[in-house]
C-alpha cells in the first residue's frame, strides 16, 4: 500500500483497484489505508458472468454501499456464453485454464446458455450482446477481452440493447450456486492472506 501511495503521489496513478478479493479483505486493507493516510481501493475486478454469479452473495453489496466500482473479467465465460452450448472453438481447445473454471459445471450451466441463445434470436443480436446487455445493468463496466475486431460488434450491439425485467429474470432463474473457482478458491485459505505477515 505504501508503494501504491507513492505511485499516486507521484502522479503516475490516479486511482487504485484490487482484483480477486473478498469484501472483508478489501474492508481490512481500506481501513489500513485510512489509518496511514494512503489512497483506498476504489474498484474491484472479479470473476462474474451469467454462469458464475457468486459475487452477488456479498461482494457487490459491499461495493455498492462503499462506492466501489465493479469491473468484472471473463464476462463471456471464456467464450462459453458467446456460442451455443457445446460449440467447439479454437480457444476452447487451447484454453486449459478456462476448463478448470467452467468444465465441472458445464451441464448445470447449459440451461442459462440455451436461454441466452434464445433471446439472441429474438433480438436479432449475438449471444455475446445479450450477455453484455445483462452485465451493463449489473456492474459498472465489464472488462472486454476482444482479440479480433469483430468481437467489438457485440459491445456496440449491447450498448443499444435494454433487456426487460422479465428477460433478466428469465436469464437468471436457472442459476445454481457454484463452488469458488480459480484465484478465489486459493484465496479462501488464510495461508494466502496478508494477515500472516501482520506481525512483521
C-alpha atoms as a PDB file:
ATOM      1  CA  UNK A   1       0.000   0.000   0.000  1.00  0.00           C
ATOM      2  CA  UNK A   2       2.925   2.324   0.667  1.00  0.00           C
ATOM      3  CA  UNK A   3       4.198   1.624  -2.840  1.00  0.00           C
ATOM      4  CA  UNK A   4       0.793   2.317  -4.376  1.00  0.00           C
ATOM      5  CA  UNK A   5       0.611   5.530  -2.368  1.00  0.00           C
ATOM      6  CA  UNK A   6       3.957   6.620  -3.793  1.00  0.00           C
ATOM      7  CA  UNK A   7       2.690   5.962  -7.322  1.00  0.00           C
ATOM      8  CA  UNK A   8      -0.423   8.065  -6.689  1.00  0.00           C
ATOM      9  CA  UNK A   9       1.552  10.872  -5.050  1.00  0.00           C
ATOM     10  CA  UNK A  10       3.965  10.912  -7.993  1.00  0.00           C
ATOM     11  CA  UNK A  11       1.059  11.338 -10.397  1.00  0.00           C
ATOM     12  CA  UNK A  12       1.726   8.018 -12.117  1.00  0.00           C
ATOM     13  CA  UNK A  13      -1.597   6.581 -10.946  1.00  0.00           C
ATOM     14  CA  UNK A  14      -4.909   8.342 -10.380  1.00  0.00           C
ATOM     15  CA  UNK A  15      -6.848   5.643  -8.553  1.00  0.00           C
ATOM     16  CA  UNK A  16      -6.161   2.114  -7.385  1.00  0.00           C
ATOM     17  CA  UNK A  17      -8.233  -1.040  -7.702  1.00  0.00           C
ATOM     18  CA  UNK A  18      -7.972  -4.605  -6.475  1.00  0.00           C
ATOM     19  CA  UNK A  19      -8.738  -7.948  -8.083  1.00  0.00           C
ATOM     20  CA  UNK A  20      -9.926 -11.289  -6.700  1.00  0.00           C
ATOM     21  CA  UNK A  21     -10.505 -10.379  -3.057  1.00  0.00           C
ATOM     22  CA  UNK A  22     -13.260 -10.983  -0.558  1.00  0.00           C
ATOM     23  CA  UNK A  23     -15.187  -7.987   0.721  1.00  0.00           C
ATOM     24  CA  UNK A  24     -13.721  -8.450   4.210  1.00  0.00           C
ATOM     25  CA  UNK A  25     -10.214  -8.311   2.751  1.00  0.00           C
ATOM     26  CA  UNK A  26     -10.979  -5.073   0.917  1.00  0.00           C
ATOM     27  CA  UNK A  27     -12.507  -3.639   4.098  1.00  0.00           C
ATOM     28  CA  UNK A  28      -9.350  -4.540   6.032  1.00  0.00           C
ATOM     29  CA  UNK A  29      -6.958  -3.029   3.533  1.00  0.00           C
ATOM     30  CA  UNK A  30      -9.025   0.131   3.052  1.00  0.00           C
ATOM     31  CA  UNK A  31      -9.144   0.573   6.836  1.00  0.00           C
ATOM     32  CA  UNK A  32      -5.353   0.289   6.868  1.00  0.00           C
ATOM     33  CA  UNK A  33      -5.193   2.874   4.079  1.00  0.00           C
ATOM     34  CA  UNK A  34      -7.275   5.314   6.149  1.00  0.00           C
ATOM     35  CA  UNK A  35      -5.045   4.709   9.161  1.00  0.00           C
ATOM     36  CA  UNK A  36      -1.887   5.598   7.249  1.00  0.00           C
ATOM     37  CA  UNK A  37      -3.358   8.277   5.010  1.00  0.00           C
ATOM     38  CA  UNK A  38      -2.979   6.182   1.870  1.00  0.00           C
ATOM     39  CA  UNK A  39      -5.438   6.172  -1.041  1.00  0.00           C
ATOM     40  CA  UNK A  40      -8.112   3.483  -0.785  1.00  0.00           C
ATOM     41  CA  UNK A  41      -9.119   0.967  -3.417  1.00  0.00           C
ATOM     42  CA  UNK A  42     -11.983   2.402  -5.453  1.00  0.00           C
ATOM     43  CA  UNK A  43     -12.740  -0.556  -7.734  1.00  0.00           C
ATOM     44  CA  UNK A  44     -12.940  -4.330  -7.580  1.00  0.00           C
ATOM     45  CA  UNK A  45     -12.167  -6.599 -10.522  1.00  0.00           C
ATOM     46  CA  UNK A  46     -13.690 -10.018 -10.031  1.00  0.00           C
ATOM     47  CA  UNK A  47     -14.854 -13.123 -11.886  1.00  0.00           C
ATOM     48  CA  UNK A  48     -18.510 -12.550 -12.763  1.00  0.00           C
ATOM     49  CA  UNK A  49     -20.861 -13.525 -15.580  1.00  0.00           C
ATOM     50  CA  UNK A  50     -24.226 -15.214 -16.131  1.00  0.00           C
ATOM     51  CA  UNK A  51     -22.863 -18.669 -15.276  1.00  0.00           C
ATOM     52  CA  UNK A  52     -20.726 -17.538 -12.323  1.00  0.00           C
ATOM     53  CA  UNK A  53     -22.538 -15.096 -10.043  1.00  0.00           C
ATOM     54  CA  UNK A  54     -21.051 -15.845  -6.639  1.00  0.00           C
ATOM     55  CA  UNK A  55     -20.079 -12.205  -6.060  1.00  0.00           C
ATOM     56  CA  UNK A  56     -23.746 -11.391  -5.587  1.00  0.00           C
ATOM     57  CA  UNK A  57     -23.568 -13.071  -2.164  1.00  0.00           C
ATOM     58  CA  UNK A  58     -21.846 -10.119  -0.503  1.00  0.00           C
ATOM     59  CA  UNK A  59     -19.118  -8.501  -2.599  1.00  0.00           C
ATOM     60  CA  UNK A  60     -21.447  -6.480  -4.802  1.00  0.00           C
ATOM     61  CA  UNK A  61     -23.450  -5.265  -1.811  1.00  0.00           C
ATOM     62  CA  UNK A  62     -20.229  -4.183  -0.121  1.00  0.00           C
ATOM     63  CA  UNK A  63     -19.074  -2.426  -3.287  1.00  0.00           C
ATOM     64  CA  UNK A  64     -22.405  -0.617  -3.703  1.00  0.00           C
ATOM     65  CA  UNK A  65     -22.592   0.522  -0.093  1.00  0.00           C
ATOM     66  CA  UNK A  66     -18.999   1.751  -0.114  1.00  0.00           C
ATOM     67  CA  UNK A  67     -18.891   3.325  -3.552  1.00  0.00           C
ATOM     68  CA  UNK A  68     -16.518   0.864  -5.230  1.00  0.00           C
ATOM     69  CA  UNK A  69     -16.813   0.339  -8.962  1.00  0.00           C
ATOM     70  CA  UNK A  70     -17.318  -3.239 -10.157  1.00  0.00           C
ATOM     71  CA  UNK A  71     -15.295  -4.180 -13.246  1.00  0.00           C
ATOM     72  CA  UNK A  72     -15.575  -7.954 -13.725  1.00  0.00           C
ATOM     73  CA  UNK A  73     -13.447 -10.047 -16.047  1.00  0.00           C
ATOM     74  CA  UNK A  74     -14.497 -13.094 -18.086  1.00  0.00           C
ATOM     75  CA  UNK A  75     -17.883 -11.564 -18.997  1.00  0.00           C
ATOM     76  CA  UNK A  76     -18.489 -14.272 -21.607  1.00  0.00           C
ATOM     77  CA  UNK A  77     -17.113 -17.173 -19.541  1.00  0.00           C
ATOM     78  CA  UNK A  78     -14.157 -17.636 -21.878  1.00  0.00           C
ATOM     79  CA  UNK A  79     -16.479 -17.721 -24.893  1.00  0.00           C
ATOM     80  CA  UNK A  80     -18.972 -20.202 -23.463  1.00  0.00           C
ATOM     81  CA  UNK A  81     -21.678 -17.532 -23.333  1.00  0.00           C
ATOM     82  CA  UNK A  82     -20.942 -16.371 -26.876  1.00  0.00           C
ATOM     83  CA  UNK A  83     -21.783 -19.637 -28.667  1.00  0.00           C
ATOM     84  CA  UNK A  84     -24.494 -22.318 -28.463  1.00  0.00           C
ATOM     85  CA  UNK A  85     -23.834 -24.892 -25.777  1.00  0.00           C
ATOM     86  CA  UNK A  86     -21.201 -27.442 -26.752  1.00  0.00           C
ATOM     87  CA  UNK A  87     -19.674 -25.388 -29.576  1.00  0.00           C
ATOM     88  CA  UNK A  88     -16.010 -26.240 -30.020  1.00  0.00           C
ATOM     89  CA  UNK A  89     -13.804 -23.274 -30.796  1.00  0.00           C
ATOM     90  CA  UNK A  90     -10.045 -22.945 -31.142  1.00  0.00           C
ATOM     91  CA  UNK A  91      -9.940 -21.117 -27.848  1.00  0.00           C
ATOM     92  CA  UNK A  92     -11.977 -23.829 -26.157  1.00  0.00           C
ATOM     93  CA  UNK A  93      -9.446 -26.400 -27.306  1.00  0.00           C
ATOM     94  CA  UNK A  94      -6.401 -24.368 -26.273  1.00  0.00           C
ATOM     95  CA  UNK A  95      -7.518 -22.619 -23.079  1.00  0.00           C
ATOM     96  CA  UNK A  96      -6.967 -25.313 -20.482  1.00  0.00           C
ATOM     97  CA  UNK A  97      -7.125 -22.787 -17.634  1.00  0.00           C
ATOM     98  CA  UNK A  98     -10.705 -21.880 -18.553  1.00  0.00           C
ATOM     99  CA  UNK A  99     -11.621 -25.555 -18.308  1.00  0.00           C
ATOM    100  CA  UNK A 100     -10.634 -25.506 -14.645  1.00  0.00           C
ATOM    101  CA  UNK A 101     -13.216 -22.760 -14.087  1.00  0.00           C
ATOM    102  CA  UNK A 102     -16.103 -23.973 -16.219  1.00  0.00           C
ATOM    103  CA  UNK A 103     -15.820 -27.618 -17.235  1.00  0.00           C
ATOM    104  CA  UNK A 104     -17.042 -29.083 -13.944  1.00  0.00           C
ATOM    105  CA  UNK A 105     -20.280 -27.058 -14.045  1.00  0.00           C
ATOM    106  CA  UNK A 106     -20.973 -27.189 -17.775  1.00  0.00           C
ATOM    107  CA  UNK A 107     -24.152 -29.258 -17.521  1.00  0.00           C
ATOM    108  CA  UNK A 108     -25.748 -27.072 -14.853  1.00  0.00           C
ATOM    109  CA  UNK A 109     -24.815 -24.008 -16.916  1.00  0.00           C
ATOM    110  CA  UNK A 110     -26.428 -25.305 -20.115  1.00  0.00           C
ATOM    111  CA  UNK A 111     -29.968 -24.009 -19.361  1.00  0.00           C
ATOM    112  CA  UNK A 112     -28.587 -20.493 -18.991  1.00  0.00           C
ATOM    113  CA  UNK A 113     -26.573 -20.688 -22.208  1.00  0.00           C
ATOM    114  CA  UNK A 114     -29.622 -22.045 -24.023  1.00  0.00           C
ATOM    115  CA  UNK A 115     -31.711 -19.094 -22.809  1.00  0.00           C
ATOM    116  CA  UNK A 116     -29.030 -16.645 -23.927  1.00  0.00           C
ATOM    117  CA  UNK A 117     -29.164 -18.218 -27.386  1.00  0.00           C
ATOM    118  CA  UNK A 118     -32.970 -17.979 -27.404  1.00  0.00           C
ATOM    119  CA  UNK A 119     -33.001 -14.274 -26.504  1.00  0.00           C
ATOM    120  CA  UNK A 120     -30.269 -13.561 -29.041  1.00  0.00           C
ATOM    121  CA  UNK A 121     -32.519 -14.972 -31.778  1.00  0.00           C
ATOM    122  CA  UNK A 122     -35.475 -12.939 -30.526  1.00  0.00           C
ATOM    123  CA  UNK A 123     -33.492  -9.680 -30.517  1.00  0.00           C
ATOM    124  CA  UNK A 124     -31.545 -10.496 -33.712  1.00  0.00           C
ATOM    125  CA  UNK A 125     -28.226  -9.903 -31.972  1.00  0.00           C
ATOM    126  CA  UNK A 126     -25.270 -12.056 -30.996  1.00  0.00           C
ATOM    127  CA  UNK A 127     -25.249 -14.137 -27.840  1.00  0.00           C
ATOM    128  CA  UNK A 128     -22.333 -12.022 -26.632  1.00  0.00           C
ATOM    129  CA  UNK A 129     -24.511  -8.923 -26.917  1.00  0.00           C
ATOM    130  CA  UNK A 130     -27.208 -10.471 -24.711  1.00  0.00           C
ATOM    131  CA  UNK A 131     -24.630 -11.228 -22.025  1.00  0.00           C
ATOM    132  CA  UNK A 132     -23.069  -7.790 -22.180  1.00  0.00           C
ATOM    133  CA  UNK A 133     -26.511  -6.153 -22.089  1.00  0.00           C
ATOM    134  CA  UNK A 134     -27.263  -8.135 -18.932  1.00  0.00           C
ATOM    135  CA  UNK A 135     -23.916  -7.160 -17.420  1.00  0.00           C
ATOM    136  CA  UNK A 136     -24.301  -3.457 -18.128  1.00  0.00           C
ATOM    137  CA  UNK A 137     -27.366  -3.494 -15.877  1.00  0.00           C
ATOM    138  CA  UNK A 138     -25.440  -5.239 -13.092  1.00  0.00           C
ATOM    139  CA  UNK A 139     -21.916  -3.766 -12.951  1.00  0.00           C
ATOM    140  CA  UNK A 140     -20.017  -0.529 -13.508  1.00  0.00           C
ATOM    141  CA  UNK A 141     -18.130  -1.769 -16.571  1.00  0.00           C
ATOM    142  CA  UNK A 142     -17.104  -5.282 -17.648  1.00  0.00           C
ATOM    143  CA  UNK A 143     -13.591  -5.915 -18.906  1.00  0.00           C
ATOM    144  CA  UNK A 144     -13.892  -6.924 -22.548  1.00  0.00           C
ATOM    145  CA  UNK A 145     -11.203  -9.270 -23.828  1.00  0.00           C
ATOM    146  CA  UNK A 146     -11.548  -8.615 -27.553  1.00  0.00           C
ATOM    147  CA  UNK A 147      -8.906 -10.417 -29.610  1.00  0.00           C
ATOM    148  CA  UNK A 148     -10.436  -9.758 -33.046  1.00  0.00           C
ATOM    149  CA  UNK A 149     -12.064  -6.608 -34.480  1.00  0.00           C
ATOM    150  CA  UNK A 150     -15.471  -8.272 -34.895  1.00  0.00           C
ATOM    151  CA  UNK A 151     -15.563  -9.015 -31.145  1.00  0.00           C
ATOM    152  CA  UNK A 152     -16.284  -5.316 -30.641  1.00  0.00           C
ATOM    153  CA  UNK A 153     -19.507  -5.643 -32.647  1.00  0.00           C
ATOM    154  CA  UNK A 154     -21.158  -7.247 -29.621  1.00  0.00           C
ATOM    155  CA  UNK A 155     -20.191  -4.256 -27.484  1.00  0.00           C
ATOM    156  CA  UNK A 156     -21.938  -1.935 -29.924  1.00  0.00           C
ATOM    157  CA  UNK A 157     -24.989  -4.207 -30.049  1.00  0.00           C
ATOM    158  CA  UNK A 158     -25.199  -4.346 -26.265  1.00  0.00           C
ATOM    159  CA  UNK A 159     -24.954  -0.568 -25.924  1.00  0.00           C
ATOM    160  CA  UNK A 160     -28.254  -0.207 -27.732  1.00  0.00           C
ATOM    161  CA  UNK A 161     -30.000  -3.137 -26.051  1.00  0.00           C
ATOM    162  CA  UNK A 162     -32.024  -2.823 -22.842  1.00  0.00           C
ATOM    163  CA  UNK A 163     -33.274  -6.133 -21.541  1.00  0.00           C
ATOM    164  CA  UNK A 164     -36.638  -6.099 -19.800  1.00  0.00           C
ATOM    165  CA  UNK A 165     -37.057  -7.145 -16.172  1.00  0.00           C
ATOM    166  CA  UNK A 166     -38.767 -10.345 -17.284  1.00  0.00           C
ATOM    167  CA  UNK A 167     -35.912 -11.153 -19.700  1.00  0.00           C
ATOM    168  CA  UNK A 168     -33.365 -10.610 -16.954  1.00  0.00           C
ATOM    169  CA  UNK A 169     -35.320 -12.886 -14.644  1.00  0.00           C
ATOM    170  CA  UNK A 170     -35.561 -15.475 -17.429  1.00  0.00           C
ATOM    171  CA  UNK A 171     -31.771 -15.463 -17.805  1.00  0.00           C
ATOM    172  CA  UNK A 172     -31.052 -15.592 -14.092  1.00  0.00           C
ATOM    173  CA  UNK A 173     -33.602 -18.141 -12.841  1.00  0.00           C
ATOM    174  CA  UNK A 174     -31.738 -21.358 -13.834  1.00  0.00           C
ATOM    175  CA  UNK A 175     -28.575 -20.322 -11.963  1.00  0.00           C
ATOM    176  CA  UNK A 176     -27.276 -22.749  -9.348  1.00  0.00           C
ATOM    177  CA  UNK A 177     -24.640 -21.876  -6.735  1.00  0.00           C
ATOM    178  CA  UNK A 178     -21.073 -22.702  -7.726  1.00  0.00           C
ATOM    179  CA  UNK A 179     -18.044 -23.506  -5.654  1.00  0.00           C
ATOM    180  CA  UNK A 180     -15.268 -20.922  -5.749  1.00  0.00           C
ATOM    181  CA  UNK A 181     -13.030 -21.259  -8.780  1.00  0.00           C
ATOM    182  CA  UNK A 182      -9.582 -20.084  -9.838  1.00  0.00           C
ATOM    183  CA  UNK A 183      -7.806 -17.485  -7.733  1.00  0.00           C
ATOM    184  CA  UNK A 184     -10.673 -17.105  -5.265  1.00  0.00           C
ATOM    185  CA  UNK A 185     -10.560 -20.809  -4.457  1.00  0.00           C
ATOM    186  CA  UNK A 186      -6.906 -20.338  -3.446  1.00  0.00           C
ATOM    187  CA  UNK A 187      -7.726 -17.095  -1.670  1.00  0.00           C
ATOM    188  CA  UNK A 188     -10.088 -18.762   0.804  1.00  0.00           C
ATOM    189  CA  UNK A 189      -7.084 -20.177   2.671  1.00  0.00           C
ATOM    190  CA  UNK A 190      -5.625 -17.983   5.406  1.00  0.00           C
ATOM    191  CA  UNK A 191      -2.148 -19.003   4.256  1.00  0.00           C
ATOM    192  CA  UNK A 192      -2.692 -16.856   1.156  1.00  0.00           C
ATOM    193  CA  UNK A 193      -3.821 -13.840   3.161  1.00  0.00           C
ATOM    194  CA  UNK A 194      -1.654 -10.908   4.218  1.00  0.00           C
ATOM    195  CA  UNK A 195      -2.715 -11.398   7.859  1.00  0.00           C
ATOM    196  CA  UNK A 196       0.090 -13.925   8.245  1.00  0.00           C
ATOM    197  CA  UNK A 197       2.528 -11.047   7.822  1.00  0.00           C
ATOM    198  CA  UNK A 198       0.741  -8.583  10.114  1.00  0.00           C
ATOM    199  CA  UNK A 199       3.203  -9.164  12.954  1.00  0.00           C
ATOM    200  CA  UNK A 200       6.252  -8.328  10.860  1.00  0.00           C
END
